Amino acid sequence: MSILEQAAAKLREIGCEVLENEPMKRHTSFKIGGEADLLVTVNTKKQLAQALGYIREIDIPLMFMGNGTNMLVSDKGIRGIVLKLGGEFCEIFLEDENTIRCGAGALLVTVCRFALENSLTGLEFAYGIPGSVGGAAFMNAGAYGGETKDVAVSCECITKDGEYITVENEDCDFAYRHSRFSDSGELVTEVTFRLEKGDAEKIREQMDDIMGRRKDKQPIELPSAGSVFKRPVGYFAGGLIQECGLKGHTVGGAQVSMKHSGFIVNIGDATCNDVLELIAYIQKTVLDEKGVQLECEVRAVGDEV
């Protein structure tokens, strides 16, 4: 029995859900990616601590993933274990009249609807962001004038040593599309949001307006990983790309969106290499013509990326 087969058996014994040789295209918004050796879903804090302890012992490569909305997975897949949070990590609670506590596996859109149901305002900016709560904390997700750091009071995480700790907002090192969790190796397991009481109808109107603008301006009808590039200081990435005449530029099955030049979309069986080649071409063209270096926001992961 190989070490991967042993790991699959042990993790199932712990209570985790395990998929072997699982195509990652099934689990990413880009619909791109080769097979992960093991895709493991952990459903309780006890399972997570046990699983991480075991994985440390056998010294096998480990990668965490959220909802797969900001990932570009290699065509050759991912070696070792990819770990997702499910079960109790998707639960949402009202701590008090202004505070929501939710598992890192909960979808942002679900938390926004929960806030609406409880007439709480402050999370409207996140409505329509397709990621998980943990992913939002990891990259300080934001849109329409708001960011995760504006409403997150604290984040619970599990350290590399298997200890659960609570990190207050001021210690999260939130910055533009960055947090301490981007570098620390800690896995966010829970986030607490503090919001304000508001008028449910006004909150609903703002959420509907934001969703309407997303549908009008963004290619949400096609597989993508959202905005490909971080916003360069003083510019809009999509504007620079369009000014360079790259709207609609295609490499294989990857295309600069005809709807929003800041997005790369999968127009049919795009590969990771197609997307990477298109990203490199965009970066070179914008640098040559505009003198601006575009920094990629999408995380490329897996073998040979």
Protein backbone atom coordinates (compact mmCIF):
# COMPACT_ATOMS: atom_id res chain seq x y z
CA MET A 1 0.00 0.00 0.00
CA SER A 2 1.43 3.39 -1.04
CA ILE A 3 1.73 6.31 1.36
CA LEU A 4 -1.20 8.00 -0.42
CA GLU A 5 -3.38 4.92 -0.03
CA GLN A 6 -2.42 4.73 3.63
CA ALA A 7 -3.24 8.42 4.04
CA ALA A 8 -6.63 8.01 2.35
CA ALA A 9 -7.51 5.11 4.65
CA LYS A 10 -6.37 6.94 7.81
CA LEU A 11 -8.19 10.17 6.93
CA ARG A 12 -11.40 8.24 6.23
CA GLU A 13 -10.95 6.54 9.61
CA ILE A 14 -10.75 9.99 11.22
CA GLY A 15 -14.07 10.82 9.53
CA CYS A 16 -12.93 12.96 6.62
CA GLU A 17 -14.37 12.69 3.13
CA VAL A 18 -11.63 11.61 0.70
CA LEU A 19 -11.59 11.65 -3.09
CA GLU A 20 -8.62 10.02 -4.81
CA ASN A 21 -7.18 11.25 -8.12
CA GLU A 22 -9.86 13.93 -8.22
CA PRO A 23 -9.98 16.30 -11.24
CA MET A 24 -9.63 19.82 -9.82
CA LYS A 25 -11.55 21.28 -12.76
CA ARG A 26 -14.63 20.05 -10.87
CA HIS A 27 -13.76 22.23 -7.88
CA THR A 28 -12.55 25.54 -9.35
CA SER A 29 -14.53 28.39 -10.87
CA PHE A 30 -12.13 28.40 -13.85
CA LYS A 31 -13.12 24.76 -14.60
CA ILE A 32 -9.42 24.09 -15.17
CA GLY A 33 -7.01 21.72 -13.49
CA GLY A 34 -5.58 18.22 -13.43
CA GLU A 35 -6.01 15.64 -10.69
CA ALA A 36 -5.24 16.11 -7.01
CA ASP A 37 -3.79 12.98 -5.45
CA LEU A 38 -6.21 13.36 -2.54
CA LEU A 39 -8.99 15.91 -2.08
CA VAL A 40 -9.95 15.82 1.58
CA THR A 41 -12.98 17.52 3.15
CA VAL A 42 -12.88 18.00 6.93
CA ASN A 43 -16.18 18.58 8.71
CA THR A 44 -15.35 19.22 12.39
CA LYS A 45 -12.65 20.96 14.41
CA LYS A 46 -11.67 17.67 16.01
CA GLN A 47 -11.27 16.04 12.59
CA LEU A 48 -9.21 18.98 11.37
CA ALA A 49 -6.78 18.84 14.30
CA GLN A 50 -6.43 15.08 13.94
CA ALA A 51 -6.00 15.27 10.16
CA LEU A 52 -3.35 17.99 10.32
CA GLY A 53 -1.47 16.14 13.04
CA TYR A 54 -1.42 12.97 10.95
CA ILE A 55 -0.39 14.81 7.77
CA ARG A 56 2.51 16.42 9.66
CA GLU A 57 3.65 13.00 10.83
CA ILE A 58 3.78 11.48 7.34
CA ASP A 59 5.31 14.64 5.83
CA ILE A 60 3.16 14.73 2.71
CA PRO A 61 2.57 17.94 0.69
CA LEU A 62 -0.55 19.81 1.86
CA MET A 63 -2.50 22.68 0.32
CA PHE A 64 -5.59 24.43 1.69
CA MET A 65 -8.39 25.62 -0.60
CA GLY A 66 -11.58 27.58 -0.11
CA ASN A 67 -14.28 27.69 -2.77
CA GLY A 68 -11.76 27.48 -5.60
CA THR A 69 -12.69 30.88 -7.03
CA ASN A 70 -9.25 32.47 -7.09
CA MET A 71 -7.21 29.46 -8.17
CA LEU A 72 -5.62 28.35 -11.41
CA VAL A 73 -4.66 24.70 -11.06
CA SER A 74 -1.90 23.14 -13.13
CA ASP A 75 -2.86 20.80 -15.96
CA LYS A 76 -0.61 18.27 -14.21
CA GLY A 77 -2.67 18.52 -11.05
CA ILE A 78 -1.59 18.77 -7.41
CA ARG A 79 0.58 16.27 -5.60
CA GLY A 80 -0.23 15.30 -2.04
CA ILE A 81 -3.35 16.47 -0.22
CA VAL A 82 -5.73 19.33 -0.97
CA LEU A 83 -7.83 20.12 2.10
CA LYS A 84 -11.27 21.78 2.15
CA LEU A 85 -13.55 22.75 5.03
CA GLY A 86 -17.14 21.48 5.13
CA GLY A 87 -19.74 20.50 7.71
CA GLU A 88 -19.64 22.67 10.82
CA PHE A 89 -17.17 25.00 9.10
CA CYS A 90 -20.08 26.18 6.91
CA GLU A 91 -22.35 27.14 9.82
CA ILE A 92 -23.41 30.75 10.52
CA PHE A 93 -24.49 32.12 13.90
CA LEU A 94 -25.85 35.40 15.26
CA GLU A 95 -23.66 36.08 18.30
CA ASP A 96 -25.53 39.20 19.36
CA GLU A 97 -27.70 41.75 17.60
CA ASN A 98 -24.71 43.18 15.70
CA THR A 99 -22.33 40.25 15.40
CA ILE A 100 -22.19 37.29 13.00
CA ARG A 101 -19.84 34.38 13.60
CA CYS A 102 -19.38 31.97 10.72
CA GLY A 103 -17.23 29.06 9.68
CA ALA A 104 -14.54 29.68 7.08
CA GLY A 105 -16.23 27.26 4.68
CA ALA A 106 -19.44 29.32 4.51
CA LEU A 107 -20.00 31.11 1.21
CA LEU A 108 -19.86 34.90 1.33
CA VAL A 109 -23.13 35.18 -0.57
CA THR A 110 -24.83 33.02 2.10
CA VAL A 111 -23.46 35.20 4.90
CA CYS A 112 -24.67 38.33 3.10
CA ARG A 113 -28.18 36.87 2.91
CA PHE A 114 -27.99 35.94 6.60
CA ALA A 115 -27.06 39.54 7.41
CA LEU A 116 -30.04 40.76 5.36
CA GLU A 117 -32.39 38.41 7.21
CA ASN A 118 -31.19 39.98 10.45
CA SER A 119 -31.32 43.59 9.14
CA LEU A 120 -27.56 44.01 9.46
CA THR A 121 -25.69 46.36 7.14
CA GLY A 122 -22.00 46.48 6.23
CA LEU A 123 -21.52 43.33 4.17
CA GLU A 124 -23.39 44.45 1.07
CA PHE A 125 -20.13 45.00 -0.83
CA ALA A 126 -19.43 41.25 -0.64
CA TYR A 127 -22.70 40.18 -2.23
CA GLY A 128 -21.82 38.32 -5.39
CA ILE A 129 -18.17 37.68 -4.50
CA PRO A 130 -18.13 33.93 -5.19
CA GLY A 131 -15.62 32.89 -2.56
CA SER A 132 -15.75 31.46 0.94
CA VAL A 133 -15.43 33.39 4.20
CA GLY A 134 -11.99 31.88 4.80
CA GLY A 135 -10.86 32.88 1.32
CA ALA A 136 -12.16 36.41 1.92
CA ALA A 137 -10.06 36.71 5.08
CA PHE A 138 -7.04 35.11 3.39
CA MET A 139 -6.94 37.73 0.62
CA ASN A 140 -8.89 40.56 2.28
CA ALA A 141 -11.51 40.31 -0.45
CA GLY A 142 -13.28 43.51 -1.39
CA ALA A 143 -15.44 45.26 -3.95
CA TYR A 144 -17.56 48.36 -4.42
CA GLY A 145 -15.76 50.37 -1.76
CA GLY A 146 -15.66 47.75 0.98
CA GLU A 147 -13.13 45.17 2.17
CA THR A 148 -13.17 42.26 4.57
CA LYS A 149 -10.96 44.19 6.99
CA ASP A 150 -13.71 46.80 7.43
CA VAL A 151 -16.12 44.34 9.06
CA ALA A 152 -14.03 41.43 10.39
CA VAL A 153 -13.53 41.71 14.15
CA SER A 154 -11.37 38.61 14.45
CA CYS A 155 -10.36 35.39 12.73
CA GLU A 156 -9.96 32.03 14.39
CA CYS A 157 -7.30 29.85 12.80
CA ILE A 158 -5.39 26.67 13.39
CA THR A 159 -1.61 26.97 13.47
CA LYS A 160 0.96 24.66 11.92
CA ASP A 161 1.27 23.07 15.38
CA GLY A 162 -2.45 22.24 15.49
CA GLU A 163 -3.40 24.93 18.01
CA TYR A 164 -6.57 26.97 17.56
CA ILE A 165 -5.95 30.67 18.15
CA THR A 166 -7.99 33.84 17.70
CA VAL A 167 -6.36 36.70 15.80
CA GLU A 168 -7.85 40.16 16.33
CA ASN A 169 -8.36 42.47 13.36
CA GLU A 170 -5.35 44.65 14.13
CA ASP A 171 -3.08 41.57 14.10
CA CYS A 172 -4.39 40.18 10.79
CA ASP A 173 -2.08 42.44 8.74
CA PHE A 174 -4.88 43.22 6.33
CA ALA A 175 -3.77 45.06 3.21
CA TYR A 176 -4.87 45.21 -0.41
CA ARG A 177 -5.59 41.57 -1.35
CA HIS A 178 -3.38 40.36 1.48
CA SER A 179 -3.44 39.24 5.11
CA ARG A 180 -1.11 37.49 7.54
CA PHE A 181 -2.75 34.22 6.50
CA SER A 182 -1.35 34.67 2.99
CA ASP A 183 2.11 33.88 4.36
CA SER A 184 1.80 32.32 7.82
CA GLY A 185 0.66 28.79 6.96
CA GLU A 186 -2.24 29.23 9.40
CA LEU A 187 -5.66 28.03 8.22
CA VAL A 188 -8.60 30.33 8.92
CA THR A 189 -11.41 28.30 10.47
CA GLU A 190 -13.88 30.97 11.58
CA VAL A 191 -14.48 34.70 11.10
CA THR A 192 -16.49 37.10 13.26
CA PHE A 193 -18.10 40.10 11.58
CA ARG A 194 -19.41 43.14 13.44
CA LEU A 195 -22.11 45.00 11.51
CA GLU A 196 -24.68 47.69 12.19
CA LYS A 197 -28.44 47.53 12.44
CA GLY A 198 -30.07 48.80 9.28
CA ASP A 199 -33.26 48.85 7.28
CA ALA A 200 -33.80 45.49 5.60
CA GLU A 201 -35.41 47.00 2.51
CA LYS A 202 -32.52 49.42 1.97
CA ILE A 203 -30.01 46.61 2.50
CA ARG A 204 -31.86 44.48 -0.05
CA GLU A 205 -31.92 47.34 -2.55
CA GLN A 206 -28.16 47.86 -2.19
CA MET A 207 -27.48 44.13 -2.59
CA ASP A 208 -29.70 43.96 -5.68
CA ASP A 209 -27.95 47.01 -7.12
CA ILE A 210 -24.51 45.48 -6.57
CA MET A 211 -25.57 42.16 -8.07
CA GLY A 212 -27.10 43.96 -11.04
CA ARG A 213 -23.85 45.84 -11.65
CA ARG A 214 -21.89 42.59 -11.46
CA LYS A 215 -24.14 40.95 -14.03
CA ASP A 216 -23.96 43.99 -16.33
CA LYS A 217 -20.21 44.50 -16.18
CA GLN A 218 -18.66 41.12 -15.37
CA PRO A 219 -18.64 37.88 -17.42
CA ILE A 220 -20.25 35.80 -14.69
CA GLU A 221 -21.85 33.57 -17.33
CA LEU A 222 -18.44 32.08 -18.22
CA PRO A 223 -15.88 30.22 -16.07
CA SER A 224 -13.23 32.56 -14.67
CA ALA A 225 -11.31 33.31 -11.50
CA GLY A 226 -12.54 36.88 -11.16
CA SER A 227 -10.23 39.84 -11.68
CA VAL A 228 -6.90 38.50 -12.89
CA PHE A 229 -4.70 41.43 -11.86
CA LYS A 230 -4.39 43.61 -8.80
CA ARG A 231 -5.27 47.25 -9.33
CA PRO A 232 -2.06 49.16 -10.13
CA VAL A 233 -1.69 52.45 -8.28
CA GLY A 234 -3.37 55.20 -10.27
CA TYR A 235 -4.86 52.89 -12.89
CA PHE A 236 -7.48 50.24 -13.56
CA ALA A 237 -6.04 46.99 -14.89
CA GLY A 238 -9.02 46.37 -17.17
CA GLY A 239 -8.73 49.86 -18.65
CA LEU A 240 -5.03 49.43 -19.43
CA ILE A 241 -5.66 46.06 -21.05
CA GLN A 242 -8.48 47.46 -23.18
CA GLU A 243 -6.42 50.48 -24.22
CA CYS A 244 -3.77 48.05 -25.47
CA GLY A 245 -6.35 46.49 -27.78
CA LEU A 246 -6.36 43.16 -25.97
CA LYS A 247 -10.11 42.74 -25.40
CA GLY A 248 -11.03 39.41 -26.96
CA HIS A 249 -7.40 38.31 -27.37
CA THR A 250 -7.39 34.51 -27.20
CA VAL A 251 -4.87 31.79 -26.48
CA GLY A 252 -6.33 28.33 -26.91
CA GLY A 253 -9.52 28.26 -24.83
CA ALA A 254 -8.57 31.29 -22.72
CA GLN A 255 -9.80 34.74 -23.70
CA VAL A 256 -9.63 38.30 -22.42
CA SER A 257 -13.31 38.82 -21.72
CA MET A 258 -15.28 40.77 -24.28
CA LYS A 259 -17.36 42.11 -21.39
CA HIS A 260 -14.62 43.19 -18.97
CA SER A 261 -10.96 43.26 -19.96
CA GLY A 262 -9.83 42.64 -16.39
CA PHE A 263 -11.15 39.07 -16.62
CA ILE A 264 -9.81 36.03 -18.44
CA VAL A 265 -12.57 33.56 -19.26
CA ASN A 266 -12.60 29.91 -20.21
CA ILE A 267 -14.45 29.84 -23.54
CA GLY A 268 -14.07 26.10 -23.97
CA ASP A 269 -11.60 23.54 -22.61
CA ALA A 270 -8.97 26.12 -21.69
CA THR A 271 -5.85 24.70 -20.09
CA CYS A 272 -3.76 26.17 -17.31
CA ASN A 273 -1.00 26.75 -19.84
CA ASP A 274 -3.42 28.69 -22.08
CA VAL A 275 -4.24 31.03 -19.20
CA LEU A 276 -0.61 31.44 -18.08
CA GLU A 277 0.48 32.21 -21.65
CA LEU A 278 -2.29 34.79 -21.99
CA ILE A 279 -1.41 36.38 -18.62
CA ALA A 280 2.25 36.68 -19.65
CA TYR A 281 1.29 38.22 -23.00
CA ILE A 282 -0.99 40.77 -21.30
CA GLN A 283 1.70 41.70 -18.78
CA LYS A 284 4.35 42.17 -21.47
CA THR A 285 2.05 44.19 -23.72
CA VAL A 286 0.86 46.52 -20.94
CA LEU A 287 4.42 47.00 -19.70
CA ASP A 288 5.73 47.74 -23.20
CA GLU A 289 2.91 50.08 -24.19
CA LYS A 290 1.93 51.69 -20.87
CA GLY A 291 4.99 51.24 -18.68
CA VAL A 292 2.88 49.56 -15.98
CA GLN A 293 3.72 46.18 -14.46
CA LEU A 294 0.53 44.21 -13.77
CA GLU A 295 0.67 41.93 -10.75
CA CYS A 296 -1.36 38.73 -10.93
CA GLU A 297 -4.10 38.30 -8.33
CA VAL A 298 -5.05 34.72 -9.26
CA ARG A 299 -3.11 31.99 -7.43
CA ALA A 300 -1.46 29.49 -9.75
CA VAL A 301 -0.97 26.20 -7.89
CA GLY A 302 0.13 22.65 -8.55
CA ASP A 303 2.85 20.93 -10.52
CA GLU A 304 5.09 23.06 -12.74
CA VAL A 305 3.32 26.42 -12.40
